[in-house]
Structure formats: C-alpha cells, structure tokens
Amino acid sequence: MYNFDPFPKLTSDRLALKSFRRQDLARIFSLRASAEVAKYLDRPLMTHQQEAVVYLEKMQQGVIEGEWIIWGIHFEAEGFVGSICLWNLSKEKAKADIGYELLPSFHGRGIMSEAIPLVLQYGFEQMNLSSIEAEVHPQNIPSISLLDKYGFIATAERPQSLENPMPIYTLSR
C-alpha cells in the first residue's frame, strides 16, 4: 500500500490540487450529478446530496488506506472545479490508472492541461510508477487529445462489449 500522509498538495500557476473537503460537497455533488460529465463514463448519476457525503468519505478513506489518491482541483478564486486521481494502484507492477473530471462550465480553460502534468510528475517521481494508464471511451475526443498531448499511446482495448471496446492509453516513465 501507498502512504499519502501527509496528503500531497500539488500546485501550478492557476491550480491547487488538494484533499477533498466538506466545503466542496455542493460542487462534488454537481460534478457527480452531471449527465454531461458522465456521458462517457459507466456510472450512475448522483441524485441526492447525501450521496456526495458518502462519496467524499469513501474517497478520503481510500486515500488513508493507500488504495488511491484523489485530488480536488481548485482553480484560482473559483474553488473546487473537478477532480483528478491515480487509482487501480499496483505497487508490484509499479502502475496506476489516471482519471479526471471537470465541471462543464470550466471545460476549455486549460485546467486539465495544468493538472495532468502535476499528477504525472507525482506518480512517476514520488510514487516511482513505471507506467500510468487511462481507459477512455473512443468518442471522448477531448480526453484522447489530452492524453496524446502528454505522450500516452493506445496500447490495448478492454472489451466492454463486442461492439464497444474501450481503448487503454499508456504512458511509461
């Protein structure tokens, strides 16, 4: 297991990536309840505020137990606007999956272009990962473009169904 204590805060000119906090619950709910955010994801939308509390507690517990690390993305004075994580961690294989999501009103502002390199650097330099993978819906062109920008290469497909395999993109150290 990984030890994320103290929790690593990552920063750039416009961003602070930090631990999920209770004051972010309304925006966490908005993020997880957004059909636009989830259109390429296989997960149910949140429908009640209490689900955000349960989700926040689950994310915090997973960080404590070293199962994953998830950061809230805080953009300038706007506060919480999304999340980015390394999950599906394998210390033995020195690999992880990256995942990210952003409130729709913040799309197109270069936020993920700042957040992703911070997390990649942390994964490779602090966690000593040898590879980071991302599973992306083939129609999620903005996400695929982001991964291409940082050198991820389509390396495999995970069959979701015979008609819709999910490409897996890999970045090696």
N, C-alpha and C. Protein backbone atom coordinates (compact mmCIF):
# COMPACT_ATOMS: atom_id res chain seq x y z
N MET A 1 0.83 -1.19 0.00
CA MET A 1 0.00 0.00 0.00
C MET A 1 0.88 1.26 0.00
N TYR A 2 0.30 2.30 -0.52
CA TYR A 2 1.00 3.60 -0.55
C TYR A 2 0.62 4.40 0.69
N ASN A 3 1.51 5.29 1.08
CA ASN A 3 1.26 6.17 2.23
C ASN A 3 1.14 7.61 1.72
N PHE A 4 -0.05 8.18 1.85
CA PHE A 4 -0.30 9.54 1.39
C PHE A 4 -0.47 10.51 2.57
N ASP A 5 0.25 10.21 3.65
CA ASP A 5 0.21 11.07 4.84
C ASP A 5 1.62 11.60 5.08
N PRO A 6 1.83 12.90 4.97
CA PRO A 6 0.82 13.93 4.78
C PRO A 6 0.33 13.96 3.33
N PHE A 7 -0.91 14.42 3.15
CA PHE A 7 -1.51 14.46 1.82
C PHE A 7 -0.71 15.43 0.94
N PRO A 8 -0.32 14.99 -0.26
CA PRO A 8 0.49 15.85 -1.13
C PRO A 8 -0.36 16.90 -1.84
N LYS A 9 -0.10 18.14 -1.56
CA LYS A 9 -0.76 19.25 -2.25
C LYS A 9 0.12 19.62 -3.44
N LEU A 10 -0.46 19.65 -4.63
CA LEU A 10 0.27 19.97 -5.85
C LEU A 10 -0.24 21.31 -6.37
N THR A 11 0.65 22.15 -6.87
CA THR A 11 0.23 23.47 -7.32
C THR A 11 0.87 23.85 -8.66
N SER A 12 0.17 24.72 -9.37
CA SER A 12 0.68 25.35 -10.58
C SER A 12 0.31 26.82 -10.49
N ASP A 13 0.51 27.56 -11.55
CA ASP A 13 0.19 28.98 -11.53
C ASP A 13 -1.28 29.24 -11.17
N ARG A 14 -2.19 28.43 -11.72
CA ARG A 14 -3.61 28.69 -11.51
C ARG A 14 -4.33 27.64 -10.65
N LEU A 15 -3.66 26.54 -10.34
CA LEU A 15 -4.33 25.42 -9.69
C LEU A 15 -3.70 25.06 -8.35
N ALA A 16 -4.56 24.53 -7.48
CA ALA A 16 -4.12 23.85 -6.27
C ALA A 16 -4.86 22.52 -6.25
N LEU A 17 -4.12 21.42 -6.25
CA LEU A 17 -4.71 20.09 -6.14
C LEU A 17 -4.56 19.69 -4.69
N LYS A 18 -5.71 19.48 -4.03
CA LYS A 18 -5.66 19.17 -2.60
C LYS A 18 -6.74 18.18 -2.23
N SER A 19 -6.66 17.71 -1.01
CA SER A 19 -7.59 16.71 -0.49
C SER A 19 -9.03 17.20 -0.58
N PHE A 20 -9.93 16.26 -0.80
CA PHE A 20 -11.37 16.59 -0.78
C PHE A 20 -11.72 17.15 0.60
N ARG A 21 -12.59 18.15 0.60
CA ARG A 21 -13.01 18.78 1.86
C ARG A 21 -14.53 18.88 1.90
N ARG A 22 -15.06 18.94 3.11
CA ARG A 22 -16.52 19.04 3.28
C ARG A 22 -17.09 20.29 2.61
N GLN A 23 -16.33 21.39 2.61
CA GLN A 23 -16.84 22.61 1.99
C GLN A 23 -16.97 22.48 0.47
N ASP A 24 -16.44 21.40 -0.10
CA ASP A 24 -16.55 21.17 -1.54
C ASP A 24 -17.76 20.30 -1.91
N LEU A 25 -18.55 19.89 -0.91
CA LEU A 25 -19.62 18.92 -1.15
C LEU A 25 -20.62 19.36 -2.23
N ALA A 26 -21.02 20.62 -2.24
CA ALA A 26 -22.01 21.06 -3.23
C ALA A 26 -21.46 20.89 -4.65
N ARG A 27 -20.20 21.25 -4.84
CA ARG A 27 -19.61 21.12 -6.17
C ARG A 27 -19.30 19.66 -6.50
N ILE A 28 -18.92 18.86 -5.50
CA ILE A 28 -18.72 17.43 -5.74
C ILE A 28 -20.04 16.81 -6.22
N PHE A 29 -21.12 17.18 -5.57
CA PHE A 29 -22.44 16.69 -5.99
C PHE A 29 -22.73 17.13 -7.42
N SER A 30 -22.51 18.40 -7.74
CA SER A 30 -22.77 18.90 -9.10
C SER A 30 -21.96 18.12 -10.14
N LEU A 31 -20.71 17.83 -9.81
CA LEU A 31 -19.84 17.09 -10.71
C LEU A 31 -20.36 15.68 -10.94
N ARG A 32 -20.71 15.01 -9.86
CA ARG A 32 -21.14 13.61 -9.94
C ARG A 32 -22.60 13.45 -10.38
N ALA A 33 -23.34 14.55 -10.42
CA ALA A 33 -24.74 14.52 -10.87
C ALA A 33 -24.89 15.00 -12.32
N SER A 34 -23.79 15.42 -12.92
CA SER A 34 -23.83 15.99 -14.27
C SER A 34 -23.86 14.92 -15.35
N ALA A 35 -24.92 14.93 -16.14
CA ALA A 35 -25.02 13.99 -17.26
C ALA A 35 -23.93 14.28 -18.29
N GLU A 36 -23.58 15.55 -18.46
CA GLU A 36 -22.54 15.91 -19.43
C GLU A 36 -21.19 15.34 -19.01
N VAL A 37 -20.86 15.44 -17.72
CA VAL A 37 -19.59 14.90 -17.23
C VAL A 37 -19.56 13.39 -17.39
N ALA A 38 -20.68 12.74 -17.13
CA ALA A 38 -20.72 11.27 -17.10
C ALA A 38 -21.06 10.64 -18.45
N LYS A 39 -21.20 11.43 -19.51
CA LYS A 39 -21.69 10.84 -20.76
C LYS A 39 -20.79 9.74 -21.31
N TYR A 40 -19.51 9.74 -20.99
CA TYR A 40 -18.61 8.69 -21.46
C TYR A 40 -18.20 7.73 -20.34
N LEU A 41 -18.83 7.86 -19.18
CA LEU A 41 -18.48 7.03 -18.03
C LEU A 41 -19.60 6.05 -17.71
N ASP A 42 -19.21 4.91 -17.21
CA ASP A 42 -20.18 3.89 -16.83
C ASP A 42 -20.43 3.99 -15.33
N ARG A 43 -21.24 4.99 -14.94
CA ARG A 43 -21.56 5.15 -13.53
C ARG A 43 -22.91 5.86 -13.41
N PRO A 44 -23.64 5.54 -12.36
CA PRO A 44 -24.91 6.24 -12.17
C PRO A 44 -24.69 7.67 -11.71
N LEU A 45 -25.61 8.54 -12.06
CA LEU A 45 -25.54 9.93 -11.61
C LEU A 45 -26.03 10.02 -10.17
N MET A 46 -25.43 10.91 -9.42
CA MET A 46 -25.93 11.18 -8.07
C MET A 46 -27.26 11.92 -8.20
N THR A 47 -28.17 11.60 -7.27
CA THR A 47 -29.48 12.26 -7.29
C THR A 47 -29.79 12.94 -5.96
N HIS A 48 -29.03 12.63 -4.91
CA HIS A 48 -29.27 13.20 -3.58
C HIS A 48 -27.95 13.71 -3.01
N GLN A 49 -28.02 14.85 -2.33
CA GLN A 49 -26.82 15.45 -1.72
C GLN A 49 -26.10 14.47 -0.80
N GLN A 50 -26.84 13.62 -0.10
CA GLN A 50 -26.22 12.67 0.83
C GLN A 50 -25.24 11.73 0.11
N GLU A 51 -25.49 11.46 -1.16
CA GLU A 51 -24.58 10.61 -1.93
C GLU A 51 -23.19 11.25 -2.03
N ALA A 52 -23.15 12.58 -2.09
CA ALA A 52 -21.86 13.28 -2.15
C ALA A 52 -21.10 13.11 -0.84
N VAL A 53 -21.81 13.10 0.28
CA VAL A 53 -21.17 12.89 1.59
C VAL A 53 -20.57 11.49 1.64
N VAL A 54 -21.34 10.49 1.22
CA VAL A 54 -20.86 9.10 1.22
C VAL A 54 -19.65 8.96 0.29
N TYR A 55 -19.73 9.58 -0.89
CA TYR A 55 -18.63 9.54 -1.85
C TYR A 55 -17.38 10.19 -1.27
N LEU A 56 -17.53 11.38 -0.70
CA LEU A 56 -16.39 12.09 -0.10
C LEU A 56 -15.73 11.22 0.97
N GLU A 57 -16.52 10.64 1.84
CA GLU A 57 -15.97 9.79 2.91
C GLU A 57 -15.27 8.57 2.33
N LYS A 58 -15.84 7.98 1.28
CA LYS A 58 -15.22 6.81 0.64
C LYS A 58 -13.88 7.21 0.01
N MET A 59 -13.85 8.35 -0.66
CA MET A 59 -12.60 8.81 -1.28
C MET A 59 -11.53 9.08 -0.22
N GLN A 60 -11.91 9.75 0.85
CA GLN A 60 -10.97 10.04 1.93
C GLN A 60 -10.45 8.74 2.56
N GLN A 61 -11.32 7.77 2.77
CA GLN A 61 -10.91 6.50 3.37
C GLN A 61 -9.96 5.75 2.45
N GLY A 62 -10.22 5.76 1.16
CA GLY A 62 -9.32 5.10 0.20
C GLY A 62 -7.94 5.71 0.19
N VAL A 63 -7.87 7.03 0.36
CA VAL A 63 -6.57 7.71 0.44
C VAL A 63 -5.85 7.27 1.72
N ILE A 64 -6.57 7.26 2.84
CA ILE A 64 -5.98 6.85 4.13
C ILE A 64 -5.43 5.42 4.03
N GLU A 65 -6.17 4.55 3.35
CA GLU A 65 -5.76 3.15 3.23
C GLU A 65 -4.76 2.91 2.10
N GLY A 66 -4.40 3.96 1.36
CA GLY A 66 -3.42 3.84 0.29
C GLY A 66 -3.93 3.12 -0.94
N GLU A 67 -5.27 3.04 -1.09
CA GLU A 67 -5.85 2.37 -2.26
C GLU A 67 -5.84 3.25 -3.49
N TRP A 68 -5.91 4.55 -3.32
CA TRP A 68 -5.88 5.52 -4.41
C TRP A 68 -5.54 6.87 -3.83
N ILE A 69 -5.28 7.81 -4.72
CA ILE A 69 -5.12 9.19 -4.29
C ILE A 69 -5.98 10.03 -5.23
N ILE A 70 -6.80 10.87 -4.64
CA ILE A 70 -7.68 11.73 -5.41
C ILE A 70 -7.54 13.16 -4.90
N TRP A 71 -7.39 14.06 -5.85
CA TRP A 71 -7.26 15.47 -5.52
C TRP A 71 -8.48 16.23 -6.00
N GLY A 72 -8.92 17.20 -5.22
CA GLY A 72 -9.87 18.18 -5.71
C GLY A 72 -9.07 19.22 -6.46
N ILE A 73 -9.55 19.58 -7.65
CA ILE A 73 -8.88 20.62 -8.44
C ILE A 73 -9.51 21.96 -8.06
N HIS A 74 -8.68 22.85 -7.55
CA HIS A 74 -9.13 24.19 -7.16
C HIS A 74 -8.51 25.18 -8.14
N PHE A 75 -9.38 25.95 -8.82
CA PHE A 75 -8.97 26.84 -9.89
C PHE A 75 -9.09 28.29 -9.45
N GLU A 76 -7.94 28.95 -9.34
CA GLU A 76 -7.87 30.35 -8.96
C GLU A 76 -8.85 30.63 -7.81
N ALA A 77 -9.64 31.69 -7.91
CA ALA A 77 -10.59 32.04 -6.83
C ALA A 77 -11.90 31.26 -6.94
N GLU A 78 -12.04 30.42 -7.96
CA GLU A 78 -13.29 29.68 -8.18
C GLU A 78 -13.49 28.53 -7.18
N GLY A 79 -12.43 28.04 -6.57
CA GLY A 79 -12.55 26.90 -5.66
C GLY A 79 -12.59 25.59 -6.43
N PHE A 80 -13.26 24.61 -5.87
CA PHE A 80 -13.33 23.25 -6.42
C PHE A 80 -14.04 23.27 -7.78
N VAL A 81 -13.36 22.71 -8.80
CA VAL A 81 -13.96 22.65 -10.13
C VAL A 81 -13.92 21.25 -10.73
N GLY A 82 -13.26 20.32 -10.06
CA GLY A 82 -13.17 18.97 -10.60
C GLY A 82 -12.26 18.11 -9.75
N SER A 83 -11.96 16.93 -10.28
CA SER A 83 -11.09 16.01 -9.55
C SER A 83 -10.16 15.30 -10.52
N ILE A 84 -9.07 14.82 -9.96
CA ILE A 84 -8.11 14.02 -10.71
C ILE A 84 -7.52 13.00 -9.75
N CYS A 85 -7.31 11.79 -10.23
CA CYS A 85 -6.86 10.73 -9.31
C CYS A 85 -5.91 9.76 -9.98
N LEU A 86 -5.19 9.06 -9.14
CA LEU A 86 -4.46 7.87 -9.52
C LEU A 86 -5.10 6.74 -8.73
N TRP A 87 -5.59 5.74 -9.41
CA TRP A 87 -6.31 4.65 -8.76
C TRP A 87 -5.91 3.34 -9.43
N ASN A 88 -6.52 2.27 -8.99
CA ASN A 88 -6.17 0.95 -9.50
C ASN A 88 -4.65 0.76 -9.35
N LEU A 89 -4.16 1.15 -8.19
CA LEU A 89 -2.72 1.14 -7.92
C LEU A 89 -2.20 -0.28 -7.79
N SER A 90 -1.04 -0.51 -8.37
CA SER A 90 -0.35 -1.79 -8.21
C SER A 90 1.11 -1.50 -7.89
N LYS A 91 1.48 -1.69 -6.63
CA LYS A 91 2.87 -1.47 -6.23
C LYS A 91 3.77 -2.51 -6.89
N GLU A 92 3.28 -3.75 -7.00
CA GLU A 92 4.07 -4.82 -7.59
C GLU A 92 4.41 -4.52 -9.05
N LYS A 93 3.44 -4.02 -9.81
CA LYS A 93 3.67 -3.71 -11.22
C LYS A 93 4.10 -2.26 -11.42
N ALA A 94 4.13 -1.48 -10.35
CA ALA A 94 4.50 -0.06 -10.40
C ALA A 94 3.66 0.69 -11.43
N LYS A 95 2.33 0.48 -11.36
CA LYS A 95 1.45 1.14 -12.31
C LYS A 95 0.19 1.64 -11.62
N ALA A 96 -0.48 2.56 -12.29
CA ALA A 96 -1.74 3.12 -11.80
C ALA A 96 -2.55 3.57 -13.00
N ASP A 97 -3.83 3.80 -12.77
CA ASP A 97 -4.69 4.42 -13.76
C ASP A 97 -4.91 5.87 -13.35
N ILE A 98 -5.05 6.74 -14.34
CA ILE A 98 -5.38 8.13 -14.08
C ILE A 98 -6.83 8.35 -14.48
N GLY A 99 -7.52 9.17 -13.71
CA GLY A 99 -8.89 9.54 -14.03
C GLY A 99 -9.08 11.01 -13.69
N TYR A 100 -9.97 11.66 -14.40
CA TYR A 100 -10.19 13.09 -14.16
C TYR A 100 -11.57 13.49 -14.66
N GLU A 101 -12.11 14.51 -14.03
CA GLU A 101 -13.40 15.06 -14.46
C GLU A 101 -13.48 16.51 -14.01
N LEU A 102 -14.22 17.29 -14.79
CA LEU A 102 -14.27 18.73 -14.59
C LEU A 102 -15.70 19.21 -14.79
N LEU A 103 -16.13 20.13 -13.94
CA LEU A 103 -17.46 20.72 -14.12
C LEU A 103 -17.55 21.33 -15.52
N PRO A 104 -18.65 21.13 -16.23
CA PRO A 104 -18.77 21.60 -17.62
C PRO A 104 -18.50 23.09 -17.81
N SER A 105 -18.86 23.92 -16.85
CA SER A 105 -18.64 25.37 -17.02
C SER A 105 -17.16 25.74 -17.01
N PHE A 106 -16.28 24.78 -16.69
CA PHE A 106 -14.84 25.04 -16.67
C PHE A 106 -14.09 24.33 -17.80
N HIS A 107 -14.83 23.63 -18.68
CA HIS A 107 -14.20 23.00 -19.84
C HIS A 107 -13.60 24.08 -20.74
N GLY A 108 -12.52 23.73 -21.42
CA GLY A 108 -11.94 24.62 -22.41
C GLY A 108 -11.07 25.73 -21.84
N ARG A 109 -10.73 25.66 -20.57
CA ARG A 109 -9.90 26.71 -19.96
C ARG A 109 -8.47 26.25 -19.68
N GLY A 110 -8.11 25.07 -20.16
CA GLY A 110 -6.75 24.57 -19.97
C GLY A 110 -6.48 24.03 -18.58
N ILE A 111 -7.53 23.80 -17.81
CA ILE A 111 -7.35 23.34 -16.43
C ILE A 111 -6.72 21.95 -16.39
N MET A 112 -7.24 21.01 -17.18
CA MET A 112 -6.66 19.67 -17.18
C MET A 112 -5.27 19.67 -17.79
N SER A 113 -4.99 20.61 -18.69
CA SER A 113 -3.64 20.71 -19.24
C SER A 113 -2.62 21.14 -18.19
N GLU A 114 -3.09 21.74 -17.11
CA GLU A 114 -2.21 22.07 -15.98
C GLU A 114 -2.21 20.97 -14.93
N ALA A 115 -3.36 20.33 -14.73
CA ALA A 115 -3.48 19.34 -13.66
C ALA A 115 -2.78 18.02 -14.01
N ILE A 116 -2.95 17.56 -15.23
CA ILE A 116 -2.39 16.26 -15.61
C ILE A 116 -0.88 16.19 -15.41
N PRO A 117 -0.09 17.17 -15.89
CA PRO A 117 1.36 17.06 -15.67
C PRO A 117 1.76 17.03 -14.20
N LEU A 118 1.02 17.73 -13.35
CA LEU A 118 1.32 17.69 -11.91
C LEU A 118 1.16 16.28 -11.37
N VAL A 119 0.08 15.62 -11.78
CA VAL A 119 -0.20 14.27 -11.29
C VAL A 119 0.75 13.25 -11.91
N LEU A 120 1.07 13.42 -13.18
CA LEU A 120 2.05 12.51 -13.81
C LEU A 120 3.40 12.61 -13.11
N GLN A 121 3.84 13.84 -12.86
CA GLN A 121 5.12 14.03 -12.18
C GLN A 121 5.08 13.38 -10.79
N TYR A 122 4.00 13.58 -10.06
CA TYR A 122 3.88 12.97 -8.74
C TYR A 122 3.93 11.44 -8.84
N GLY A 123 3.17 10.89 -9.77
CA GLY A 123 3.13 9.43 -9.93
C GLY A 123 4.48 8.84 -10.27
N PHE A 124 5.18 9.46 -11.21
CA PHE A 124 6.47 8.92 -11.62
C PHE A 124 7.58 9.21 -10.63
N GLU A 125 7.62 10.41 -10.09
CA GLU A 125 8.75 10.79 -9.22
C GLU A 125 8.54 10.43 -7.75
N GLN A 126 7.35 10.62 -7.22
CA GLN A 126 7.12 10.35 -5.80
C GLN A 126 6.65 8.92 -5.53
N MET A 127 5.83 8.38 -6.42
CA MET A 127 5.32 7.02 -6.23
C MET A 127 6.18 5.99 -6.95
N ASN A 128 7.14 6.44 -7.76
CA ASN A 128 8.02 5.55 -8.53
C ASN A 128 7.25 4.61 -9.45
N LEU A 129 6.18 5.11 -10.05
CA LEU A 129 5.43 4.30 -11.00
C LEU A 129 6.25 4.15 -12.28
N SER A 130 6.09 3.03 -12.94
CA SER A 130 6.76 2.85 -14.23
C SER A 130 5.79 3.12 -15.38
N SER A 131 4.48 3.02 -15.11
CA SER A 131 3.51 3.35 -16.15
C SER A 131 2.20 3.83 -15.53
N ILE A 132 1.52 4.68 -16.29
CA ILE A 132 0.21 5.19 -15.91
C ILE A 132 -0.70 4.97 -17.11
N GLU A 133 -1.88 4.40 -16.84
CA GLU A 133 -2.82 4.07 -17.90
C GLU A 133 -4.10 4.90 -17.76
N ALA A 134 -4.80 5.02 -18.87
CA ALA A 134 -6.10 5.67 -18.88
C ALA A 134 -7.01 4.89 -19.82
N GLU A 135 -8.18 4.56 -19.35
CA GLU A 135 -9.19 3.92 -20.17
C GLU A 135 -10.16 5.01 -20.61
N VAL A 136 -10.31 5.18 -21.92
CA VAL A 136 -11.09 6.30 -22.44
C VAL A 136 -12.09 5.82 -23.48
N HIS A 137 -13.31 6.30 -23.35
CA HIS A 137 -14.33 5.99 -24.36
C HIS A 137 -13.84 6.50 -25.72
N PRO A 138 -13.97 5.70 -26.77
CA PRO A 138 -13.43 6.10 -28.07
C PRO A 138 -14.04 7.38 -28.66
N GLN A 139 -15.20 7.78 -28.18
CA GLN A 139 -15.82 9.02 -28.67
C GLN A 139 -15.45 10.24 -27.82
N ASN A 140 -14.69 10.03 -26.74
CA ASN A 140 -14.30 11.14 -25.88
C ASN A 140 -13.03 11.79 -26.45
N ILE A 141 -13.22 12.49 -27.56
CA ILE A 141 -12.10 13.07 -28.29
C ILE A 141 -11.31 14.08 -27.46
N PRO A 142 -11.95 14.97 -26.67
CA PRO A 142 -11.15 15.90 -25.86
C PRO A 142 -10.20 15.19 -24.89
N SER A 143 -10.67 14.11 -24.28
CA SER A 143 -9.82 13.37 -23.35
C SER A 143 -8.69 12.66 -24.09
N ILE A 144 -9.00 12.07 -25.22
CA ILE A 144 -7.97 11.39 -26.02
C ILE A 144 -6.92 12.41 -26.46
N SER A 145 -7.35 13.59 -26.87
CA SER A 145 -6.41 14.64 -27.28
C SER A 145 -5.48 15.04 -26.14
N LEU A 146 -6.05 15.15 -24.92
CA LEU A 146 -5.23 15.46 -23.75
C LEU A 146 -4.17 14.38 -23.52
N LEU A 147 -4.60 13.13 -23.58
CA LEU A 147 -3.65 12.04 -23.37
C LEU A 147 -2.56 12.04 -24.44
N ASP A 148 -2.95 12.28 -25.69
CA ASP A 148 -1.97 12.37 -26.78
C ASP A 148 -0.95 13.47 -26.49
N LYS A 149 -1.44 14.59 -25.99
CA LYS A 149 -0.58 15.75 -25.71
C LYS A 149 0.55 15.38 -24.73
N TYR A 150 0.27 14.47 -23.82
CA TYR A 150 1.26 14.10 -22.80
C TYR A 150 1.98 12.79 -23.12
N GLY A 151 1.81 12.29 -24.33
CA GLY A 151 2.60 11.14 -24.77
C GLY A 151 1.99 9.78 -24.50
N PHE A 152 0.74 9.73 -24.06
CA PHE A 152 0.07 8.44 -23.88
C PHE A 152 -0.12 7.80 -25.26
N ILE A 153 0.01 6.48 -25.30
CA ILE A 153 -0.14 5.73 -26.55
C ILE A 153 -1.20 4.66 -26.34
N ALA A 154 -2.09 4.51 -27.33
CA ALA A 154 -3.10 3.44 -27.27
C ALA A 154 -2.36 2.11 -27.33
N THR A 155 -2.51 1.31 -26.27
CA THR A 155 -1.75 0.07 -26.18
C THR A 155 -2.60 -1.19 -26.16
N ALA A 156 -3.88 -1.04 -25.83
CA ALA A 156 -4.73 -2.22 -25.70
C ALA A 156 -6.19 -1.77 -25.75
N GLU A 157 -7.07 -2.74 -25.72
CA GLU A 157 -8.50 -2.46 -25.61
C GLU A 157 -9.08 -3.38 -24.56
N ARG A 158 -9.94 -2.82 -23.73
CA ARG A 158 -10.67 -3.60 -22.74
C ARG A 158 -12.08 -3.80 -23.28
N PRO A 159 -12.48 -5.02 -23.51
CA PRO A 159 -13.80 -5.22 -24.09
C PRO A 159 -14.92 -4.90 -23.08
N GLN A 160 -15.65 -3.83 -23.33
CA GLN A 160 -16.85 -3.52 -22.55
C GLN A 160 -17.99 -4.35 -23.13
N SER A 161 -18.01 -4.41 -24.44
CA SER A 161 -18.92 -5.27 -25.19
C SER A 161 -18.23 -5.51 -26.53
N LEU A 162 -18.75 -6.42 -27.31
CA LEU A 162 -18.12 -6.71 -28.60
C LEU A 162 -18.17 -5.50 -29.52
N GLU A 163 -19.22 -4.70 -29.41
CA GLU A 163 -19.35 -3.52 -30.28
C GLU A 163 -18.55 -2.33 -29.76
N ASN A 164 -18.28 -2.26 -28.47
CA ASN A 164 -17.67 -1.07 -27.88
C ASN A 164 -16.46 -1.37 -27.01
N PRO A 165 -15.35 -1.79 -27.60
CA PRO A 165 -14.15 -1.97 -26.76
C PRO A 165 -13.63 -0.60 -26.31
N MET A 166 -13.07 -0.54 -25.11
CA MET A 166 -12.54 0.71 -24.55
C MET A 166 -11.03 0.73 -24.73
N PRO A 167 -10.52 1.70 -25.48
CA PRO A 167 -9.06 1.80 -25.64
C PRO A 167 -8.38 2.13 -24.31
N ILE A 168 -7.22 1.54 -24.13
CA ILE A 168 -6.39 1.82 -22.96
C ILE A 168 -5.14 2.54 -23.47
N TYR A 169 -4.90 3.71 -22.90
CA TYR A 169 -3.73 4.52 -23.26
C TYR A 169 -2.71 4.39 -22.14
N THR A 170 -1.45 4.27 -22.51
CA THR A 170 -0.38 4.06 -21.54
C THR A 170 0.73 5.07 -21.74
N LEU A 171 1.22 5.58 -20.62
CA LEU A 171 2.41 6.43 -20.60
C LEU A 171 3.43 5.74 -19.70
N SER A 172 4.61 5.47 -20.25
CA SER A 172 5.67 4.84 -19.46
C SER A 172 6.70 5.88 -19.08
N ARG A 173 7.32 5.64 -17.91
CA ARG A 173 8.35 6.57 -17.44
C ARG A 173 9.51 6.57 -18.37
